[in-house]
Amino acid sequence: MVIGDQEWLVENLKTTRYNDGSQIQLITDNAVWGNLTAGGAYCWHNNDESNKDKFGALYNFYAINTGKLAPAGWHVATREEWANLLDHLSANNYGYEGSGDDIAKS
């Protein structure tokens, strides 16, 4: 989907494998997740796999930082790209009430 001058996936990422086919570690224990100092991992919102389709997976920094998380031909958005998206949505009346930067529902 093109939004402004950027192209975005139309749904949240929910892969359990990197784009090279290797598996990403599933972590369901909050303490283990919080204490990881290396190694890519993912979980489901509230550790409930039924949230997969609605929210996609949640990935830690180490999974994102591999550069292998996004499908081939794509990449995880940078801070600058997220800021550009926010600016575009805010400037084009996609705020919750039709204006402003409260664009979470967009």
PDB file of N, CA and C in Angstrom:
ATOM      1  N   MET A   1       0.851  -1.162   0.000  1.00  0.00           N
ATOM      2  CA  MET A   1       0.000   0.000   0.000  1.00  0.00           C
ATOM      3  C   MET A   1       0.904   1.235   0.000  1.00  0.00           C
ATOM      4  N   VAL A   2       0.618   2.177  -0.854  1.00  0.00           N
ATOM      5  CA  VAL A   2       1.382   3.415  -0.895  1.00  0.00           C
ATOM      6  C   VAL A   2       0.684   4.439  -0.022  1.00  0.00           C
ATOM      7  N   ILE A   3       1.424   5.012   0.900  1.00  0.00           N
ATOM      8  CA  ILE A   3       0.942   6.084   1.761  1.00  0.00           C
ATOM      9  C   ILE A   3       1.934   7.225   1.606  1.00  0.00           C
ATOM     10  N   GLY A   4       1.466   8.338   1.081  1.00  0.00           N
ATOM     11  CA  GLY A   4       2.390   9.425   0.770  1.00  0.00           C
ATOM     12  C   GLY A   4       3.326   8.950  -0.320  1.00  0.00           C
ATOM     13  N   ASP A   5       4.621   9.018  -0.058  1.00  0.00           N
ATOM     14  CA  ASP A   5       5.589   8.533  -1.042  1.00  0.00           C
ATOM     15  C   ASP A   5       6.296   7.267  -0.565  1.00  0.00           C
ATOM     16  N   GLN A   6       5.653   6.544   0.369  1.00  0.00           N
ATOM     17  CA  GLN A   6       6.241   5.325   0.909  1.00  0.00           C
ATOM     18  C   GLN A   6       5.327   4.127   0.641  1.00  0.00           C
ATOM     19  N   GLU A   7       5.941   2.963   0.491  1.00  0.00           N
ATOM     20  CA  GLU A   7       5.170   1.734   0.312  1.00  0.00           C
ATOM     21  C   GLU A   7       5.280   0.891   1.576  1.00  0.00           C
ATOM     22  N   TRP A   8       4.132   0.437   2.089  1.00  0.00           N
ATOM     23  CA  TRP A   8       4.056  -0.317   3.342  1.00  0.00           C
ATOM     24  C   TRP A   8       3.364  -1.646   3.092  1.00  0.00           C
ATOM     25  N   LEU A   9       3.741  -2.671   3.884  1.00  0.00           N
ATOM     26  CA  LEU A   9       2.990  -3.927   3.857  1.00  0.00           C
ATOM     27  C   LEU A   9       1.569  -3.640   4.333  1.00  0.00           C
ATOM     28  N   VAL A  10       0.606  -4.419   3.866  1.00  0.00           N
ATOM     29  CA  VAL A  10      -0.782  -4.150   4.235  1.00  0.00           C
ATOM     30  C   VAL A  10      -1.218  -4.860   5.512  1.00  0.00           C
ATOM     31  N   GLU A  11      -0.358  -5.678   6.085  1.00  0.00           N
ATOM     32  CA  GLU A  11      -0.688  -6.309   7.361  1.00  0.00           C
ATOM     33  C   GLU A  11       0.573  -6.431   8.202  1.00  0.00           C
ATOM     34  N   ASN A  12       0.382  -6.650   9.478  1.00  0.00           N
ATOM     35  CA  ASN A  12       1.517  -6.788  10.383  1.00  0.00           C
ATOM     36  C   ASN A  12       2.286  -8.067  10.088  1.00  0.00           C
ATOM     37  N   LEU A  13       3.589  -7.996  10.250  1.00  0.00           N
ATOM     38  CA  LEU A  13       4.459  -9.143  10.023  1.00  0.00           C
ATOM     39  C   LEU A  13       4.191 -10.205  11.089  1.00  0.00           C
ATOM     40  N   LYS A  14       4.115 -11.453  10.667  1.00  0.00           N
ATOM     41  CA  LYS A  14       3.861 -12.544  11.616  1.00  0.00           C
ATOM     42  C   LYS A  14       4.707 -13.763  11.297  1.00  0.00           C
ATOM     43  N   THR A  15       5.880 -13.518  10.740  1.00  0.00           N
ATOM     44  CA  THR A  15       6.751 -14.625  10.382  1.00  0.00           C
ATOM     45  C   THR A  15       7.431 -15.210  11.606  1.00  0.00           C
ATOM     46  N   THR A  16       7.694 -16.488  11.544  1.00  0.00           N
ATOM     47  CA  THR A  16       8.428 -17.173  12.610  1.00  0.00           C
ATOM     48  C   THR A  16       9.798 -17.621  12.106  1.00  0.00           C
ATOM     49  N   ARG A  17      10.125 -17.209  10.885  1.00  0.00           N
ATOM     50  CA  ARG A  17      11.420 -17.541  10.275  1.00  0.00           C
ATOM     51  C   ARG A  17      12.009 -16.302   9.627  1.00  0.00           C
ATOM     52  N   TYR A  18      13.331 -16.243   9.640  1.00  0.00           N
ATOM     53  CA  TYR A  18      14.019 -15.179   8.920  1.00  0.00           C
ATOM     54  C   TYR A  18      13.886 -15.434   7.427  1.00  0.00           C
ATOM     55  N   ASN A  19      14.208 -14.425   6.618  1.00  0.00           N
ATOM     56  CA  ASN A  19      14.060 -14.587   5.167  1.00  0.00           C
ATOM     57  C   ASN A  19      15.092 -15.543   4.561  1.00  0.00           C
ATOM     58  N   ASP A  20      16.023 -16.044   5.379  1.00  0.00           N
ATOM     59  CA  ASP A  20      16.938 -17.097   4.900  1.00  0.00           C
ATOM     60  C   ASP A  20      16.445 -18.485   5.285  1.00  0.00           C
ATOM     61  N   GLY A  21      15.261 -18.573   5.900  1.00  0.00           N
ATOM     62  CA  GLY A  21      14.659 -19.841   6.275  1.00  0.00           C
ATOM     63  C   GLY A  21      14.942 -20.297   7.691  1.00  0.00           C
ATOM     64  N   SER A  22      15.901 -19.668   8.374  1.00  0.00           N
ATOM     65  CA  SER A  22      16.206 -20.089   9.746  1.00  0.00           C
ATOM     66  C   SER A  22      15.113 -19.621  10.702  1.00  0.00           C
ATOM     67  N   GLN A  23      14.913 -20.414  11.742  1.00  0.00           N
ATOM     68  CA  GLN A  23      13.829 -20.176  12.683  1.00  0.00           C
ATOM     69  C   GLN A  23      14.179 -19.067  13.673  1.00  0.00           C
ATOM     70  N   ILE A  24      13.165 -18.276  14.025  1.00  0.00           N
ATOM     71  CA  ILE A  24      13.288 -17.261  15.070  1.00  0.00           C
ATOM     72  C   ILE A  24      12.786 -17.890  16.360  1.00  0.00           C
ATOM     73  N   GLN A  25      13.486 -17.659  17.438  1.00  0.00           N
ATOM     74  CA  GLN A  25      13.136 -18.260  18.725  1.00  0.00           C
ATOM     75  C   GLN A  25      11.855 -17.640  19.284  1.00  0.00           C
ATOM     76  N   LEU A  26      10.896 -18.492  19.665  1.00  0.00           N
ATOM     77  CA  LEU A  26       9.672 -18.057  20.338  1.00  0.00           C
ATOM     78  C   LEU A  26       9.948 -17.980  21.837  1.00  0.00           C
ATOM     79  N   ILE A  27       9.704 -16.822  22.435  1.00  0.00           N
ATOM     80  CA  ILE A  27       9.871 -16.633  23.882  1.00  0.00           C
ATOM     81  C   ILE A  27       8.508 -16.292  24.461  1.00  0.00           C
ATOM     82  N   THR A  28       8.054 -17.078  25.436  1.00  0.00           N
ATOM     83  CA  THR A  28       6.754 -16.834  26.050  1.00  0.00           C
ATOM     84  C   THR A  28       6.862 -16.374  27.499  1.00  0.00           C
ATOM     85  N   ASP A  29       8.054 -16.411  28.051  1.00  0.00           N
ATOM     86  CA  ASP A  29       8.262 -15.999  29.436  1.00  0.00           C
ATOM     87  C   ASP A  29       8.719 -14.545  29.466  1.00  0.00           C
ATOM     88  N   ASN A  30       7.954 -13.676  30.124  1.00  0.00           N
ATOM     89  CA  ASN A  30       8.277 -12.246  30.165  1.00  0.00           C
ATOM     90  C   ASN A  30       9.647 -11.969  30.771  1.00  0.00           C
ATOM     91  N   ALA A  31      10.025 -12.700  31.805  1.00  0.00           N
ATOM     92  CA  ALA A  31      11.331 -12.489  32.438  1.00  0.00           C
ATOM     93  C   ALA A  31      12.466 -12.869  31.483  1.00  0.00           C
ATOM     94  N   VAL A  32      12.304 -13.985  30.797  1.00  0.00           N
ATOM     95  CA  VAL A  32      13.320 -14.406  29.824  1.00  0.00           C
ATOM     96  C   VAL A  32      13.429 -13.362  28.723  1.00  0.00           C
ATOM     97  N   TRP A  33      12.296 -12.913  28.201  1.00  0.00           N
ATOM     98  CA  TRP A  33      12.280 -11.883  27.142  1.00  0.00           C
ATOM     99  C   TRP A  33      13.025 -10.630  27.616  1.00  0.00           C
ATOM    100  N   GLY A  34      12.705 -10.176  28.798  1.00  0.00           N
ATOM    101  CA  GLY A  34      13.304  -8.950  29.322  1.00  0.00           C
ATOM    102  C   GLY A  34      14.785  -9.060  29.618  1.00  0.00           C
ATOM    103  N   ASN A  35      15.276 -10.267  29.832  1.00  0.00           N
ATOM    104  CA  ASN A  35      16.685 -10.459  30.175  1.00  0.00           C
ATOM    105  C   ASN A  35      17.548 -10.901  29.000  1.00  0.00           C
ATOM    106  N   LEU A  36      16.969 -11.020  27.808  1.00  0.00           N
ATOM    107  CA  LEU A  36      17.772 -11.412  26.657  1.00  0.00           C
ATOM    108  C   LEU A  36      18.823 -10.341  26.364  1.00  0.00           C
ATOM    109  N   THR A  37      20.043 -10.770  26.129  1.00  0.00           N
ATOM    110  CA  THR A  37      21.110  -9.835  25.762  1.00  0.00           C
ATOM    111  C   THR A  37      21.670 -10.148  24.387  1.00  0.00           C
ATOM    112  N   ALA A  38      21.120 -11.159  23.745  1.00  0.00           N
ATOM    113  CA  ALA A  38      21.520 -11.531  22.380  1.00  0.00           C
ATOM    114  C   ALA A  38      20.483 -12.510  21.855  1.00  0.00           C
ATOM    115  N   GLY A  39      20.430 -12.636  20.565  1.00  0.00           N
ATOM    116  CA  GLY A  39      19.558 -13.627  19.947  1.00  0.00           C
ATOM    117  C   GLY A  39      18.193 -13.078  19.612  1.00  0.00           C
ATOM    118  N   GLY A  40      17.808 -13.264  18.365  1.00  0.00           N
ATOM    119  CA  GLY A  40      16.501 -12.828  17.918  1.00  0.00           C
ATOM    120  C   GLY A  40      15.400 -13.653  18.529  1.00  0.00           C
ATOM    121  N   ALA A  41      14.273 -13.007  18.784  1.00  0.00           N
ATOM    122  CA  ALA A  41      13.132 -13.689  19.375  1.00  0.00           C
ATOM    123  C   ALA A  41      11.846 -12.995  18.948  1.00  0.00           C
ATOM    124  N   TYR A  42      10.760 -13.742  19.060  1.00  0.00           N
ATOM    125  CA  TYR A  42       9.439 -13.166  18.811  1.00  0.00           C
ATOM    126  C   TYR A  42       8.482 -13.716  19.852  1.00  0.00           C
ATOM    127  N   CYS A  43       7.332 -13.067  19.961  1.00  0.00           N
ATOM    128  CA  CYS A  43       6.235 -13.557  20.793  1.00  0.00           C
ATOM    129  C   CYS A  43       4.937 -13.061  20.174  1.00  0.00           C
ATOM    130  N   TRP A  44       3.835 -13.537  20.700  1.00  0.00           N
ATOM    131  CA  TRP A  44       2.512 -13.070  20.280  1.00  0.00           C
ATOM    132  C   TRP A  44       1.983 -12.141  21.356  1.00  0.00           C
ATOM    133  N   HIS A  45       1.149 -11.183  20.982  1.00  0.00           N
ATOM    134  CA  HIS A  45       0.550 -10.261  21.954  1.00  0.00           C
ATOM    135  C   HIS A  45      -0.128 -11.064  23.060  1.00  0.00           C
ATOM    136  N   ASN A  46       0.201 -10.731  24.299  1.00  0.00           N
ATOM    137  CA  ASN A  46      -0.313 -11.433  25.488  1.00  0.00           C
ATOM    138  C   ASN A  46       0.018 -12.924  25.468  1.00  0.00           C
ATOM    139  N   ASN A  47       1.081 -13.304  24.727  1.00  0.00           N
ATOM    140  CA  ASN A  47       1.470 -14.713  24.591  1.00  0.00           C
ATOM    141  C   ASN A  47       0.305 -15.596  24.168  1.00  0.00           C
ATOM    142  N   ASP A  48      -0.534 -15.056  23.310  1.00  0.00           N
ATOM    143  CA  ASP A  48      -1.720 -15.765  22.835  1.00  0.00           C
ATOM    144  C   ASP A  48      -1.657 -15.832  21.310  1.00  0.00           C
ATOM    145  N   GLU A  49      -1.400 -17.006  20.765  1.00  0.00           N
ATOM    146  CA  GLU A  49      -1.242 -17.158  19.327  1.00  0.00           C
ATOM    147  C   GLU A  49      -2.503 -16.782  18.553  1.00  0.00           C
ATOM    148  N   SER A  50      -3.652 -16.750  19.219  1.00  0.00           N
ATOM    149  CA  SER A  50      -4.869 -16.326  18.516  1.00  0.00           C
ATOM    150  C   SER A  50      -4.809 -14.839  18.134  1.00  0.00           C
ATOM    151  N   ASN A  51      -3.850 -14.114  18.690  1.00  0.00           N
ATOM    152  CA  ASN A  51      -3.641 -12.705  18.331  1.00  0.00           C
ATOM    153  C   ASN A  51      -2.798 -12.542  17.066  1.00  0.00           C
ATOM    154  N   LYS A  52      -2.334 -13.643  16.511  1.00  0.00           N
ATOM    155  CA  LYS A  52      -1.439 -13.622  15.342  1.00  0.00           C
ATOM    156  C   LYS A  52      -2.011 -12.810  14.187  1.00  0.00           C
ATOM    157  N   ASP A  53      -3.232 -13.110  13.772  1.00  0.00           N
ATOM    158  CA  ASP A  53      -3.801 -12.423  12.610  1.00  0.00           C
ATOM    159  C   ASP A  53      -4.132 -10.968  12.896  1.00  0.00           C
ATOM    160  N   LYS A  54      -4.551 -10.663  14.110  1.00  0.00           N
ATOM    161  CA  LYS A  54      -4.943  -9.286  14.435  1.00  0.00           C
ATOM    162  C   LYS A  54      -3.737  -8.373  14.618  1.00  0.00           C
ATOM    163  N   PHE A  55      -2.706  -8.839  15.338  1.00  0.00           N
ATOM    164  CA  PHE A  55      -1.589  -7.974  15.694  1.00  0.00           C
ATOM    165  C   PHE A  55      -0.271  -8.344  15.033  1.00  0.00           C
ATOM    166  N   GLY A  56      -0.163  -9.535  14.462  1.00  0.00           N
ATOM    167  CA  GLY A  56       1.123 -10.005  13.981  1.00  0.00           C
ATOM    168  C   GLY A  56       1.995 -10.394  15.160  1.00  0.00           C
ATOM    169  N   ALA A  57       3.270 -10.621  14.898  1.00  0.00           N
ATOM    170  CA  ALA A  57       4.206 -10.999  15.965  1.00  0.00           C
ATOM    171  C   ALA A  57       4.918  -9.753  16.492  1.00  0.00           C
ATOM    172  N   LEU A  58       5.427  -9.876  17.696  1.00  0.00           N
ATOM    173  CA  LEU A  58       6.283  -8.845  18.292  1.00  0.00           C
ATOM    174  C   LEU A  58       7.706  -9.383  18.258  1.00  0.00           C
ATOM    175  N   TYR A  59       8.643  -8.579  17.763  1.00  0.00           N
ATOM    176  CA  TYR A  59      10.032  -9.010  17.596  1.00  0.00           C
ATOM    177  C   TYR A  59      10.940  -8.163  18.467  1.00  0.00           C
ATOM    178  N   ASN A  60      11.973  -8.798  19.011  1.00  0.00           N
ATOM    179  CA  ASN A  60      12.929  -8.027  19.791  1.00  0.00           C
ATOM    180  C   ASN A  60      13.954  -7.355  18.872  1.00  0.00           C
ATOM    181  N   PHE A  61      14.756  -6.485  19.460  1.00  0.00           N
ATOM    182  CA  PHE A  61      15.774  -5.746  18.715  1.00  0.00           C
ATOM    183  C   PHE A  61      16.711  -6.675  17.974  1.00  0.00           C
ATOM    184  N   TYR A  62      17.082  -7.758  18.606  1.00  0.00           N
ATOM    185  CA  TYR A  62      18.064  -8.658  18.008  1.00  0.00           C
ATOM    186  C   TYR A  62      17.521  -9.306  16.735  1.00  0.00           C
ATOM    187  N   ALA A  63      16.238  -9.617  16.710  1.00  0.00           N
ATOM    188  CA  ALA A  63      15.625 -10.174  15.494  1.00  0.00           C
ATOM    189  C   ALA A  63      15.596  -9.116  14.388  1.00  0.00           C
ATOM    190  N   ILE A  64      15.209  -7.918  14.735  1.00  0.00           N
ATOM    191  CA  ILE A  64      15.148  -6.836  13.751  1.00  0.00           C
ATOM    192  C   ILE A  64      16.535  -6.502  13.233  1.00  0.00           C
ATOM    193  N   ASN A  65      17.507  -6.471  14.121  1.00  0.00           N
ATOM    194  CA  ASN A  65      18.862  -6.044  13.775  1.00  0.00           C
ATOM    195  C   ASN A  65      19.606  -7.037  12.879  1.00  0.00           C
ATOM    196  N   THR A  66      19.075  -8.235  12.694  1.00  0.00           N
ATOM    197  CA  THR A  66      19.731  -9.200  11.803  1.00  0.00           C
ATOM    198  C   THR A  66      19.677  -8.746  10.344  1.00  0.00           C
ATOM    199  N   GLY A  67      18.709  -7.901  10.005  1.00  0.00           N
ATOM    200  CA  GLY A  67      18.504  -7.513   8.618  1.00  0.00           C
ATOM    201  C   GLY A  67      17.819  -8.603   7.814  1.00  0.00           C
ATOM    202  N   LYS A  68      17.388  -9.678   8.489  1.00  0.00           N
ATOM    203  CA  LYS A  68      16.778 -10.818   7.800  1.00  0.00           C
ATOM    204  C   LYS A  68      15.315 -11.026   8.204  1.00  0.00           C
ATOM    205  N   LEU A  69      14.716 -10.041   8.824  1.00  0.00           N
ATOM    206  CA  LEU A  69      13.358 -10.219   9.323  1.00  0.00           C
ATOM    207  C   LEU A  69      12.306  -9.988   8.233  1.00  0.00           C
ATOM    208  N   ALA A  70      12.478  -8.953   7.451  1.00  0.00           N
ATOM    209  CA  ALA A  70      11.490  -8.612   6.426  1.00  0.00           C
ATOM    210  C   ALA A  70      11.590  -9.565   5.242  1.00  0.00           C
ATOM    211  N   PRO A  71      10.484  -9.741   4.533  1.00  0.00           N
ATOM    212  CA  PRO A  71      10.523 -10.572   3.325  1.00  0.00           C
ATOM    213  C   PRO A  71      11.505  -9.993   2.301  1.00  0.00           C
ATOM    214  N   ALA A  72      11.965 -10.834   1.405  1.00  0.00           N
ATOM    215  CA  ALA A  72      12.896 -10.387   0.364  1.00  0.00           C
ATOM    216  C   ALA A  72      12.305  -9.196  -0.376  1.00  0.00           C
ATOM    217  N   GLY A  73      13.120  -8.175  -0.584  1.00  0.00           N
ATOM    218  CA  GLY A  73      12.685  -6.972  -1.272  1.00  0.00           C
ATOM    219  C   GLY A  73      12.100  -5.911  -0.355  1.00  0.00           C
ATOM    220  N   TRP A  74      11.989  -6.211   0.933  1.00  0.00           N
ATOM    221  CA  TRP A  74      11.437  -5.288   1.924  1.00  0.00           C
ATOM    222  C   TRP A  74      12.471  -5.059   3.013  1.00  0.00           C
ATOM    223  N   HIS A  75      12.210  -4.099   3.895  1.00  0.00           N
ATOM    224  CA  HIS A  75      13.052  -3.879   5.070  1.00  0.00           C
ATOM    225  C   HIS A  75      12.180  -3.354   6.206  1.00  0.00           C
ATOM    226  N   VAL A  76      12.673  -3.484   7.420  1.00  0.00           N
ATOM    227  CA  VAL A  76      11.981  -2.929   8.578  1.00  0.00           C
ATOM    228  C   VAL A  76      12.156  -1.417   8.525  1.00  0.00           C
ATOM    229  N   ALA A  77      11.076  -0.703   8.718  1.00  0.00           N
ATOM    230  CA  ALA A  77      11.108   0.757   8.625  1.00  0.00           C
ATOM    231  C   ALA A  77      12.081   1.366   9.629  1.00  0.00           C
ATOM    232  N   THR A  78      12.757   2.412   9.186  1.00  0.00           N
ATOM    233  CA  THR A  78      13.660   3.167  10.054  1.00  0.00           C
ATOM    234  C   THR A  78      12.850   4.194  10.856  1.00  0.00           C
ATOM    235  N   ARG A  79      13.489   4.803  11.833  1.00  0.00           N
ATOM    236  CA  ARG A  79      12.823   5.874  12.594  1.00  0.00           C
ATOM    237  C   ARG A  79      12.399   7.010  11.666  1.00  0.00           C
ATOM    238  N   GLU A  80      13.266   7.334  10.718  1.00  0.00           N
ATOM    239  CA  GLU A  80      12.958   8.408   9.768  1.00  0.00           C
ATOM    240  C   GLU A  80      11.728   8.053   8.925  1.00  0.00           C
ATOM    241  N   GLU A  81      11.625   6.809   8.498  1.00  0.00           N
ATOM    242  CA  GLU A  81      10.462   6.398   7.712  1.00  0.00           C
ATOM    243  C   GLU A  81       9.176   6.442   8.538  1.00  0.00           C
ATOM    244  N   TRP A  82       9.259   6.030   9.807  1.00  0.00           N
ATOM    245  CA  TRP A  82       8.085   6.139  10.687  1.00  0.00           C
ATOM    246  C   TRP A  82       7.702   7.604  10.885  1.00  0.00           C
ATOM    247  N   ALA A  83       8.698   8.476  11.055  1.00  0.00           N
ATOM    248  CA  ALA A  83       8.430   9.909  11.233  1.00  0.00           C
ATOM    249  C   ALA A  83       7.773  10.488   9.982  1.00  0.00           C
ATOM    250  N   ASN A  84       8.237  10.085   8.798  1.00  0.00           N
ATOM    251  CA  ASN A  84       7.620  10.552   7.555  1.00  0.00           C
ATOM    252  C   ASN A  84       6.173  10.098   7.452  1.00  0.00           C
ATOM    253  N   LEU A  85       5.906   8.853   7.866  1.00  0.00           N
ATOM    254  CA  LEU A  85       4.536   8.350   7.857  1.00  0.00           C
ATOM    255  C   LEU A  85       3.661   9.177   8.795  1.00  0.00           C
ATOM    256  N   LEU A  86       4.131   9.405  10.010  1.00  0.00           N
ATOM    257  CA  LEU A  86       3.390  10.209  10.986  1.00  0.00           C
ATOM    258  C   LEU A  86       3.118  11.601  10.427  1.00  0.00           C
ATOM    259  N   ASP A  87       4.136  12.236   9.855  1.00  0.00           N
ATOM    260  CA  ASP A  87       3.972  13.580   9.293  1.00  0.00           C
ATOM    261  C   ASP A  87       2.920  13.582   8.191  1.00  0.00           C
ATOM    262  N   HIS A  88       2.982  12.585   7.302  1.00  0.00           N
ATOM    263  CA  HIS A  88       2.015  12.519   6.195  1.00  0.00           C
ATOM    264  C   HIS A  88       0.591  12.342   6.728  1.00  0.00           C
ATOM    265  N   LEU A  89       0.400  11.409   7.644  1.00  0.00           N
ATOM    266  CA  LEU A  89      -0.940  11.161   8.174  1.00  0.00           C
ATOM    267  C   LEU A  89      -1.469  12.364   8.935  1.00  0.00           C
ATOM    268  N   SER A  90      -0.619  13.006   9.731  1.00  0.00           N
ATOM    269  CA  SER A  90      -1.036  14.183  10.492  1.00  0.00           C
ATOM    270  C   SER A  90      -1.406  15.336   9.568  1.00  0.00           C
ATOM    271  N   ALA A  91      -0.620  15.540   8.512  1.00  0.00           N
ATOM    272  CA  ALA A  91      -0.848  16.651   7.584  1.00  0.00           C
ATOM    273  C   ALA A  91      -2.052  16.428   6.683  1.00  0.00           C
ATOM    274  N   ASN A  92      -2.528  15.192   6.588  1.00  0.00           N
ATOM    275  CA  ASN A  92      -3.630  14.881   5.684  1.00  0.00           C
ATOM    276  C   ASN A  92      -4.898  14.443   6.411  1.00  0.00           C
ATOM    277  N   ASN A  93      -5.053  14.916   7.640  1.00  0.00           N
ATOM    278  CA  ASN A  93      -6.287  14.744   8.421  1.00  0.00           C
ATOM    279  C   ASN A  93      -6.648  13.300   8.723  1.00  0.00           C
ATOM    280  N   TYR A  94      -5.633  12.478   9.031  1.00  0.00           N
ATOM    281  CA  TYR A  94      -5.891  11.100   9.430  1.00  0.00           C
ATOM    282  C   TYR A  94      -5.875  10.921  10.943  1.00  0.00           C
ATOM    283  N   GLY A  95      -5.920  12.009  11.682  1.00  0.00           N
ATOM    284  CA  GLY A  95      -5.995  11.915  13.139  1.00  0.00           C
ATOM    285  C   GLY A  95      -7.309  11.280  13.565  1.00  0.00           C
ATOM    286  N   TYR A  96      -7.377  10.850  14.786  1.00  0.00           N
ATOM    287  CA  TYR A  96      -8.558  10.163  15.319  1.00  0.00           C
ATOM    288  C   TYR A  96      -9.823  10.998  15.119  1.00  0.00           C
ATOM    289  N   GLU A  97      -9.727  12.267  15.354  1.00  0.00           N
ATOM    290  CA  GLU A  97     -10.878  13.157  15.188  1.00  0.00           C
ATOM    291  C   GLU A  97     -10.812  13.916  13.859  1.00  0.00           C
ATOM    292  N   GLY A  98      -9.964  13.465  12.926  1.00  0.00           N
ATOM    293  CA  GLY A  98      -9.869  14.092  11.629  1.00  0.00           C
ATOM    294  C   GLY A  98      -8.709  15.047  11.464  1.00  0.00           C
ATOM    295  N   SER A  99      -8.002  15.328  12.548  1.00  0.00           N
ATOM    296  CA  SER A  99      -6.818  16.194  12.458  1.00  0.00           C
ATOM    297  C   SER A  99      -5.913  15.876  13.634  1.00  0.00           C
ATOM    298  N   GLY A 100      -4.716  16.416  13.601  1.00  0.00           N
ATOM    299  CA  GLY A 100      -3.783  16.215  14.701  1.00  0.00           C
ATOM    300  C   GLY A 100      -2.927  14.976  14.510  1.00  0.00           C
ATOM    301  N   ASP A 101      -2.058  14.726  15.489  1.00  0.00           N
ATOM    302  CA  ASP A 101      -1.102  13.630  15.364  1.00  0.00           C
ATOM    303  C   ASP A 101      -1.518  12.388  16.124  1.00  0.00           C
ATOM    304  N   ASP A 102      -2.770  12.271  16.500  1.00  0.00           N
ATOM    305  CA  ASP A 102      -3.292  11.065  17.168  1.00  0.00           C
ATOM    306  C   ASP A 102      -3.756  10.077  16.108  1.00  0.00           C
ATOM    307  N   ILE A 103      -2.789   9.509  15.375  1.00  0.00           N
ATOM    308  CA  ILE A 103      -3.077   8.741  14.174  1.00  0.00           C
ATOM    309  C   ILE A 103      -3.045   7.224  14.407  1.00  0.00           C
ATOM    310  N   ALA A 104      -3.068   6.776  15.637  1.00  0.00           N
ATOM    311  CA  ALA A 104      -2.964   5.344  15.925  1.00  0.00           C
ATOM    312  C   ALA A 104      -4.016   4.526  15.190  1.00  0.00           C
ATOM    313  N   LYS A 105      -5.224   5.020  15.045  1.00  0.00           N
ATOM    314  CA  LYS A 105      -6.281   4.271  14.358  1.00  0.00           C
ATOM    315  C   LYS A 105      -6.108   4.286  12.846  1.00  0.00           C
ATOM    316  N   SER A 106      -5.266   5.182  12.328  1.00  0.00           N
ATOM    317  CA  SER A 106      -5.050   5.224  10.875  1.00  0.00           C
ATOM    318  C   SER A 106      -4.396   3.964  10.419  1.00  0.00           C
TER     319      SER A 106
END
